[in-house]
Amino acid sequence: MSTMMIVSLVFLGLLIFGAFFLVGIYNGLVSLRNRYRNGFAQVDVQLKRRYDLIPNLIETAKGYMAHERGTLEAVVAARAKATQANANFAANPGDPAAMRQMAQAESGLTGALSRLLVISENYPQLKADSTMNHLMEELTSTENRIAFSRQAYNDAILEYNNSREVFPNVLLANTFGFSAAEFFKIEAEAERAAPKVSF
């Protein structure tokens, strides 16, 4: 074998190795991106469950809380805003602006629900209503599921963002449009506290 042939084979081997290395990085980034999208899909399922519970909660409370119409309407409006923000983010999981909009809408919904629960404590008949108690148990369970799903989503985001930011992955990530993803976080400090519910 001639020296030129050996150099050519070594060069070809390095090219093949480099190509496999780059394909491995690309496929790893795709896999991690799909993992965080799946993580959001799990959050989305729980948020939709929450959105479905709210109209039943409002209908049950309406009969007892006739003088609290403003509070009930605020919950309905916050639910509508959160549902729309969730749909916008679900269309493009990973869009930081849509994630911030959704987190803000979710904070608004949580605040409106908290106000409803605080006011409902002034209505003993409502507190004793079995349907209301069942809905509150379902809502509490759903809130716990949302928290768990958010944590899993944020863990997937952390893994994805870490992978896309290390060298040499960052070169490939920027070239192929693997942009940083936004964590699902609650901005308002008051919203970080768990609402106290006593029925």
C-alpha atoms as a PDB file:
ATOM      1  CA  MET A   1       0.000   0.000   0.000  1.00  0.00           C
ATOM      2  CA  SER A   2       1.278   3.366  -0.883  1.00  0.00           C
ATOM      3  CA  THR A   3       1.573   6.240   1.553  1.00  0.00           C
ATOM      4  CA  MET A   4      -1.022   8.218  -0.393  1.00  0.00           C
ATOM      5  CA  MET A   5      -3.506   5.330  -0.064  1.00  0.00           C
ATOM      6  CA  ILE A   6      -2.930   5.093   3.705  1.00  0.00           C
ATOM      7  CA  VAL A   7      -3.393   8.854   4.146  1.00  0.00           C
ATOM      8  CA  SER A   8      -6.581   8.701   2.060  1.00  0.00           C
ATOM      9  CA  LEU A   9      -7.970   5.827   4.143  1.00  0.00           C
ATOM     10  CA  VAL A  10      -7.121   7.605   7.406  1.00  0.00           C
ATOM     11  CA  PHE A  11      -8.735  10.803   6.111  1.00  0.00           C
ATOM     12  CA  LEU A  12     -11.829   8.866   4.980  1.00  0.00           C
ATOM     13  CA  GLY A  13     -11.989   7.149   8.369  1.00  0.00           C
ATOM     14  CA  LEU A  14     -11.829  10.508  10.154  1.00  0.00           C
ATOM     15  CA  LEU A  15     -14.583  11.890   7.928  1.00  0.00           C
ATOM     16  CA  ILE A  16     -16.807   8.897   8.636  1.00  0.00           C
ATOM     17  CA  PHE A  17     -16.084   9.143  12.373  1.00  0.00           C
ATOM     18  CA  GLY A  18     -16.827  12.896  12.311  1.00  0.00           C
ATOM     19  CA  ALA A  19     -20.080  12.344  10.426  1.00  0.00           C
ATOM     20  CA  PHE A  20     -21.232   9.702  12.945  1.00  0.00           C
ATOM     21  CA  PHE A  21     -20.215  11.998  15.797  1.00  0.00           C
ATOM     22  CA  LEU A  22     -22.268  14.915  14.400  1.00  0.00           C
ATOM     23  CA  VAL A  23     -25.252  12.652  13.669  1.00  0.00           C
ATOM     24  CA  GLY A  24     -25.042  11.389  17.262  1.00  0.00           C
ATOM     25  CA  ILE A  25     -25.122  14.933  18.647  1.00  0.00           C
ATOM     26  CA  TYR A  26     -28.025  15.899  16.369  1.00  0.00           C
ATOM     27  CA  ASN A  27     -30.040  12.803  17.268  1.00  0.00           C
ATOM     28  CA  GLY A  28     -29.354  13.371  20.963  1.00  0.00           C
ATOM     29  CA  LEU A  29     -30.673  16.932  20.747  1.00  0.00           C
ATOM     30  CA  VAL A  30     -33.766  15.763  18.865  1.00  0.00           C
ATOM     31  CA  SER A  31     -34.375  13.100  21.514  1.00  0.00           C
ATOM     32  CA  LEU A  32     -34.062  15.616  24.358  1.00  0.00           C
ATOM     33  CA  ARG A  33     -36.304  18.124  22.580  1.00  0.00           C
ATOM     34  CA  ASN A  34     -38.930  15.412  22.133  1.00  0.00           C
ATOM     35  CA  ARG A  35     -38.599  14.497  25.814  1.00  0.00           C
ATOM     36  CA  TYR A  36     -39.386  18.023  26.975  1.00  0.00           C
ATOM     37  CA  ARG A  37     -42.255  18.248  24.488  1.00  0.00           C
ATOM     38  CA  ASN A  38     -43.618  15.030  25.955  1.00  0.00           C
ATOM     39  CA  GLY A  39     -43.108  16.531  29.400  1.00  0.00           C
ATOM     40  CA  PHE A  40     -45.259  19.470  28.409  1.00  0.00           C
ATOM     41  CA  ALA A  41     -47.884  17.119  26.986  1.00  0.00           C
ATOM     42  CA  GLN A  42     -48.159  15.584  30.472  1.00  0.00           C
ATOM     43  CA  VAL A  43     -48.567  19.045  32.014  1.00  0.00           C
ATOM     44  CA  ASP A  44     -51.142  19.839  29.328  1.00  0.00           C
ATOM     45  CA  VAL A  45     -53.247  16.795  30.242  1.00  0.00           C
ATOM     46  CA  GLN A  46     -53.383  17.888  33.873  1.00  0.00           C
ATOM     47  CA  LEU A  47     -54.110  21.509  33.005  1.00  0.00           C
ATOM     48  CA  LYS A  48     -57.009  20.440  30.792  1.00  0.00           C
ATOM     49  CA  ARG A  49     -58.338  18.319  33.639  1.00  0.00           C
ATOM     50  CA  ARG A  50     -58.138  21.396  35.859  1.00  0.00           C
ATOM     51  CA  TYR A  51     -59.889  23.533  33.234  1.00  0.00           C
ATOM     52  CA  ASP A  52     -62.674  20.932  33.011  1.00  0.00           C
ATOM     53  CA  LEU A  53     -63.198  20.932  36.780  1.00  0.00           C
ATOM     54  CA  ILE A  54     -63.536  24.695  37.078  1.00  0.00           C
ATOM     55  CA  PRO A  55     -66.953  25.075  35.339  1.00  0.00           C
ATOM     56  CA  ASN A  56     -68.408  22.406  37.636  1.00  0.00           C
ATOM     57  CA  LEU A  57     -66.938  24.174  40.645  1.00  0.00           C
ATOM     58  CA  ILE A  58     -68.404  27.502  39.485  1.00  0.00           C
ATOM     59  CA  GLU A  59     -71.840  25.992  38.847  1.00  0.00           C
ATOM     60  CA  THR A  60     -71.903  24.407  42.291  1.00  0.00           C
ATOM     61  CA  ALA A  61     -70.790  27.614  43.990  1.00  0.00           C
ATOM     62  CA  LYS A  62     -73.201  29.835  41.997  1.00  0.00           C
ATOM     63  CA  GLY A  63     -76.257  28.705  43.903  1.00  0.00           C
ATOM     64  CA  TYR A  64     -74.730  29.586  47.250  1.00  0.00           C
ATOM     65  CA  MET A  65     -72.644  32.624  46.298  1.00  0.00           C
ATOM     66  CA  ALA A  66     -75.145  34.802  44.453  1.00  0.00           C
ATOM     67  CA  HIS A  67     -73.589  37.962  45.918  1.00  0.00           C
ATOM     68  CA  GLU A  68     -70.083  37.018  44.741  1.00  0.00           C
ATOM     69  CA  ARG A  69     -70.747  37.273  41.022  1.00  0.00           C
ATOM     70  CA  GLY A  70     -67.579  39.300  40.400  1.00  0.00           C
ATOM     71  CA  THR A  71     -65.402  36.589  41.924  1.00  0.00           C
ATOM     72  CA  LEU A  72     -67.106  33.864  39.912  1.00  0.00           C
ATOM     73  CA  GLU A  73     -66.734  35.886  36.703  1.00  0.00           C
ATOM     74  CA  ALA A  74     -63.040  36.494  37.496  1.00  0.00           C
ATOM     75  CA  VAL A  75     -62.461  32.737  37.744  1.00  0.00           C
ATOM     76  CA  VAL A  76     -64.254  32.141  34.445  1.00  0.00           C
ATOM     77  CA  ALA A  77     -62.239  34.883  32.726  1.00  0.00           C
ATOM     78  CA  ALA A  78     -58.954  33.609  34.187  1.00  0.00           C
ATOM     79  CA  ARG A  79     -59.800  30.089  33.015  1.00  0.00           C
ATOM     80  CA  ALA A  80     -60.478  31.345  29.483  1.00  0.00           C
ATOM     81  CA  LYS A  81     -57.191  33.264  29.417  1.00  0.00           C
ATOM     82  CA  ALA A  82     -55.244  30.277  30.747  1.00  0.00           C
ATOM     83  CA  THR A  83     -56.882  27.919  28.257  1.00  0.00           C
ATOM     84  CA  GLN A  84     -55.933  30.201  25.355  1.00  0.00           C
ATOM     85  CA  ALA A  85     -52.355  30.671  26.604  1.00  0.00           C
ATOM     86  CA  ASN A  86     -52.029  26.913  27.032  1.00  0.00           C
ATOM     87  CA  ALA A  87     -53.239  26.327  23.473  1.00  0.00           C
ATOM     88  CA  ASN A  88     -50.751  28.903  22.150  1.00  0.00           C
ATOM     89  CA  PHE A  89     -47.857  27.242  23.944  1.00  0.00           C
ATOM     90  CA  ALA A  90     -48.969  23.724  22.989  1.00  0.00           C
ATOM     91  CA  ALA A  91     -48.770  24.783  19.341  1.00  0.00           C
ATOM     92  CA  ASN A  92     -45.044  25.506  19.796  1.00  0.00           C
ATOM     93  CA  PRO A  93     -43.606  24.031  22.995  1.00  0.00           C
ATOM     94  CA  GLY A  94     -40.282  25.638  23.592  1.00  0.00           C
ATOM     95  CA  ASP A  95     -41.280  29.177  22.601  1.00  0.00           C
ATOM     96  CA  PRO A  96     -40.056  31.230  25.575  1.00  0.00           C
ATOM     97  CA  ALA A  97     -42.557  34.063  25.045  1.00  0.00           C
ATOM     98  CA  ALA A  98     -45.502  31.658  24.889  1.00  0.00           C
ATOM     99  CA  MET A  99     -44.247  29.880  28.027  1.00  0.00           C
ATOM    100  CA  ARG A 100     -44.033  33.167  29.927  1.00  0.00           C
ATOM    101  CA  GLN A 101     -47.552  34.076  28.749  1.00  0.00           C
ATOM    102  CA  MET A 102     -48.862  30.694  29.855  1.00  0.00           C
ATOM    103  CA  ALA A 103     -47.143  30.874  33.248  1.00  0.00           C
ATOM    104  CA  GLN A 104     -48.618  34.342  33.793  1.00  0.00           C
ATOM    105  CA  ALA A 105     -52.115  33.149  32.818  1.00  0.00           C
ATOM    106  CA  GLU A 106     -51.789  30.120  35.097  1.00  0.00           C
ATOM    107  CA  SER A 107     -50.743  32.388  37.966  1.00  0.00           C
ATOM    108  CA  GLY A 108     -53.833  34.513  37.323  1.00  0.00           C
ATOM    109  CA  LEU A 109     -56.055  31.438  37.354  1.00  0.00           C
ATOM    110  CA  THR A 110     -54.489  30.162  40.556  1.00  0.00           C
ATOM    111  CA  GLY A 111     -55.037  33.563  42.172  1.00  0.00           C
ATOM    112  CA  ALA A 112     -58.683  33.714  41.055  1.00  0.00           C
ATOM    113  CA  LEU A 113     -59.308  30.189  42.350  1.00  0.00           C
ATOM    114  CA  SER A 114     -57.653  31.084  45.660  1.00  0.00           C
ATOM    115  CA  ARG A 115     -59.941  34.112  46.049  1.00  0.00           C
ATOM    116  CA  LEU A 116     -62.952  31.918  45.278  1.00  0.00           C
ATOM    117  CA  LEU A 117     -61.898  29.407  47.916  1.00  0.00           C
ATOM    118  CA  VAL A 118     -61.317  32.084  50.539  1.00  0.00           C
ATOM    119  CA  ILE A 119     -64.708  33.663  49.881  1.00  0.00           C
ATOM    120  CA  SER A 120     -66.442  30.273  49.833  1.00  0.00           C
ATOM    121  CA  GLU A 121     -65.429  29.739  53.446  1.00  0.00           C
ATOM    122  CA  ASN A 122     -68.007  32.401  54.368  1.00  0.00           C
ATOM    123  CA  TYR A 123     -70.788  30.094  53.110  1.00  0.00           C
ATOM    124  CA  PRO A 124     -71.308  27.181  55.545  1.00  0.00           C
ATOM    125  CA  GLN A 125     -73.901  25.508  53.312  1.00  0.00           C
ATOM    126  CA  LEU A 126     -71.446  25.530  50.412  1.00  0.00           C
ATOM    127  CA  LYS A 127     -68.725  24.060  52.625  1.00  0.00           C
ATOM    128  CA  ALA A 128     -71.107  21.258  53.594  1.00  0.00           C
ATOM    129  CA  ASP A 129     -72.212  20.500  50.003  1.00  0.00           C
ATOM    130  CA  SER A 130     -71.045  17.009  48.978  1.00  0.00           C
ATOM    131  CA  THR A 131     -70.626  17.975  45.321  1.00  0.00           C
ATOM    132  CA  MET A 132     -68.444  20.919  46.305  1.00  0.00           C
ATOM    133  CA  ASN A 133     -66.376  18.708  48.596  1.00  0.00           C
ATOM    134  CA  HIS A 134     -65.880  16.166  45.834  1.00  0.00           C
ATOM    135  CA  LEU A 135     -64.875  18.876  43.347  1.00  0.00           C
ATOM    136  CA  MET A 136     -62.430  20.340  45.846  1.00  0.00           C
ATOM    137  CA  GLU A 137     -60.838  16.920  46.355  1.00  0.00           C
ATOM    138  CA  GLU A 138     -60.544  16.511  42.594  1.00  0.00           C
ATOM    139  CA  LEU A 139     -59.063  19.986  42.242  1.00  0.00           C
ATOM    140  CA  THR A 140     -56.529  19.324  45.006  1.00  0.00           C
ATOM    141  CA  SER A 141     -55.550  16.032  43.383  1.00  0.00           C
ATOM    142  CA  THR A 142     -55.225  17.750  40.013  1.00  0.00           C
ATOM    143  CA  GLU A 143     -53.086  20.541  41.484  1.00  0.00           C
ATOM    144  CA  ASN A 144     -50.737  17.879  42.884  1.00  0.00           C
ATOM    145  CA  ARG A 145     -50.546  16.196  39.486  1.00  0.00           C
ATOM    146  CA  ILE A 146     -49.842  19.529  37.815  1.00  0.00           C
ATOM    147  CA  ALA A 147     -47.003  20.187  40.249  1.00  0.00           C
ATOM    148  CA  PHE A 148     -45.508  16.759  39.566  1.00  0.00           C
ATOM    149  CA  SER A 149     -45.862  17.186  35.801  1.00  0.00           C
ATOM    150  CA  ARG A 150     -44.287  20.645  35.935  1.00  0.00           C
ATOM    151  CA  GLN A 151     -41.318  19.216  37.803  1.00  0.00           C
ATOM    152  CA  ALA A 152     -40.870  16.462  35.207  1.00  0.00           C
ATOM    153  CA  TYR A 153     -41.167  19.041  32.407  1.00  0.00           C
ATOM    154  CA  ASN A 154     -38.619  21.350  34.027  1.00  0.00           C
ATOM    155  CA  ASP A 155     -36.232  18.411  34.533  1.00  0.00           C
ATOM    156  CA  ALA A 156     -36.494  17.601  30.812  1.00  0.00           C
ATOM    157  CA  ILE A 157     -35.907  21.282  29.960  1.00  0.00           C
ATOM    158  CA  LEU A 158     -32.812  21.352  32.173  1.00  0.00           C
ATOM    159  CA  GLU A 159     -31.374  18.259  30.504  1.00  0.00           C
ATOM    160  CA  TYR A 160     -32.122  19.640  27.024  1.00  0.00           C
ATOM    161  CA  ASN A 161     -30.704  23.104  27.733  1.00  0.00           C
ATOM    162  CA  ASN A 162     -27.579  21.623  29.325  1.00  0.00           C
ATOM    163  CA  SER A 163     -27.020  19.348  26.350  1.00  0.00           C
ATOM    164  CA  ARG A 164     -27.484  22.104  23.771  1.00  0.00           C
ATOM    165  CA  GLU A 165     -25.127  24.498  25.587  1.00  0.00           C
ATOM    166  CA  VAL A 166     -22.061  22.253  25.997  1.00  0.00           C
ATOM    167  CA  PHE A 167     -19.267  22.209  23.459  1.00  0.00           C
ATOM    168  CA  PRO A 168     -19.351  20.935  20.684  1.00  0.00           C
ATOM    169  CA  ASN A 169     -23.153  20.500  20.837  1.00  0.00           C
ATOM    170  CA  VAL A 170     -23.672  24.264  20.933  1.00  0.00           C
ATOM    171  CA  LEU A 171     -22.206  24.600  17.436  1.00  0.00           C
ATOM    172  CA  LEU A 172     -24.619  22.070  15.991  1.00  0.00           C
ATOM    173  CA  ALA A 173     -27.556  23.316  18.100  1.00  0.00           C
ATOM    174  CA  ASN A 174     -27.196  26.866  16.846  1.00  0.00           C
ATOM    175  CA  THR A 175     -26.711  25.728  13.253  1.00  0.00           C
ATOM    176  CA  PHE A 176     -29.875  23.595  13.226  1.00  0.00           C
ATOM    177  CA  GLY A 177     -32.116  25.890  15.261  1.00  0.00           C
ATOM    178  CA  PHE A 178     -32.215  24.064  18.589  1.00  0.00           C
ATOM    179  CA  SER A 179     -33.047  27.147  20.653  1.00  0.00           C
ATOM    180  CA  ALA A 180     -33.094  27.277  24.442  1.00  0.00           C
ATOM    181  CA  ALA A 181     -36.368  26.253  26.057  1.00  0.00           C
ATOM    182  CA  GLU A 182     -38.086  28.115  28.896  1.00  0.00           C
ATOM    183  CA  PHE A 183     -38.798  26.609  32.318  1.00  0.00           C
ATOM    184  CA  PHE A 184     -42.376  26.515  33.592  1.00  0.00           C
ATOM    185  CA  LYS A 185     -42.051  28.756  36.627  1.00  0.00           C
ATOM    186  CA  ILE A 186     -44.371  30.834  38.721  1.00  0.00           C
ATOM    187  CA  GLU A 187     -43.358  34.493  38.674  1.00  0.00           C
ATOM    188  CA  ALA A 188     -45.497  36.024  41.435  1.00  0.00           C
ATOM    189  CA  GLU A 189     -44.159  35.330  44.916  1.00  0.00           C
ATOM    190  CA  ALA A 190     -47.701  35.202  46.333  1.00  0.00           C
ATOM    191  CA  GLU A 191     -48.544  32.406  43.886  1.00  0.00           C
ATOM    192  CA  ARG A 192     -45.696  30.263  45.202  1.00  0.00           C
ATOM    193  CA  ALA A 193     -47.567  29.635  48.437  1.00  0.00           C
ATOM    194  CA  ALA A 194     -49.996  26.735  48.427  1.00  0.00           C
ATOM    195  CA  PRO A 195     -53.586  27.885  48.901  1.00  0.00           C
ATOM    196  CA  LYS A 196     -55.161  26.839  52.174  1.00  0.00           C
ATOM    197  CA  VAL A 197     -58.370  24.941  51.557  1.00  0.00           C
ATOM    198  CA  SER A 198     -60.622  23.860  54.398  1.00  0.00           C
ATOM    199  CA  PHE A 199     -64.023  22.364  53.754  1.00  0.00           C
END
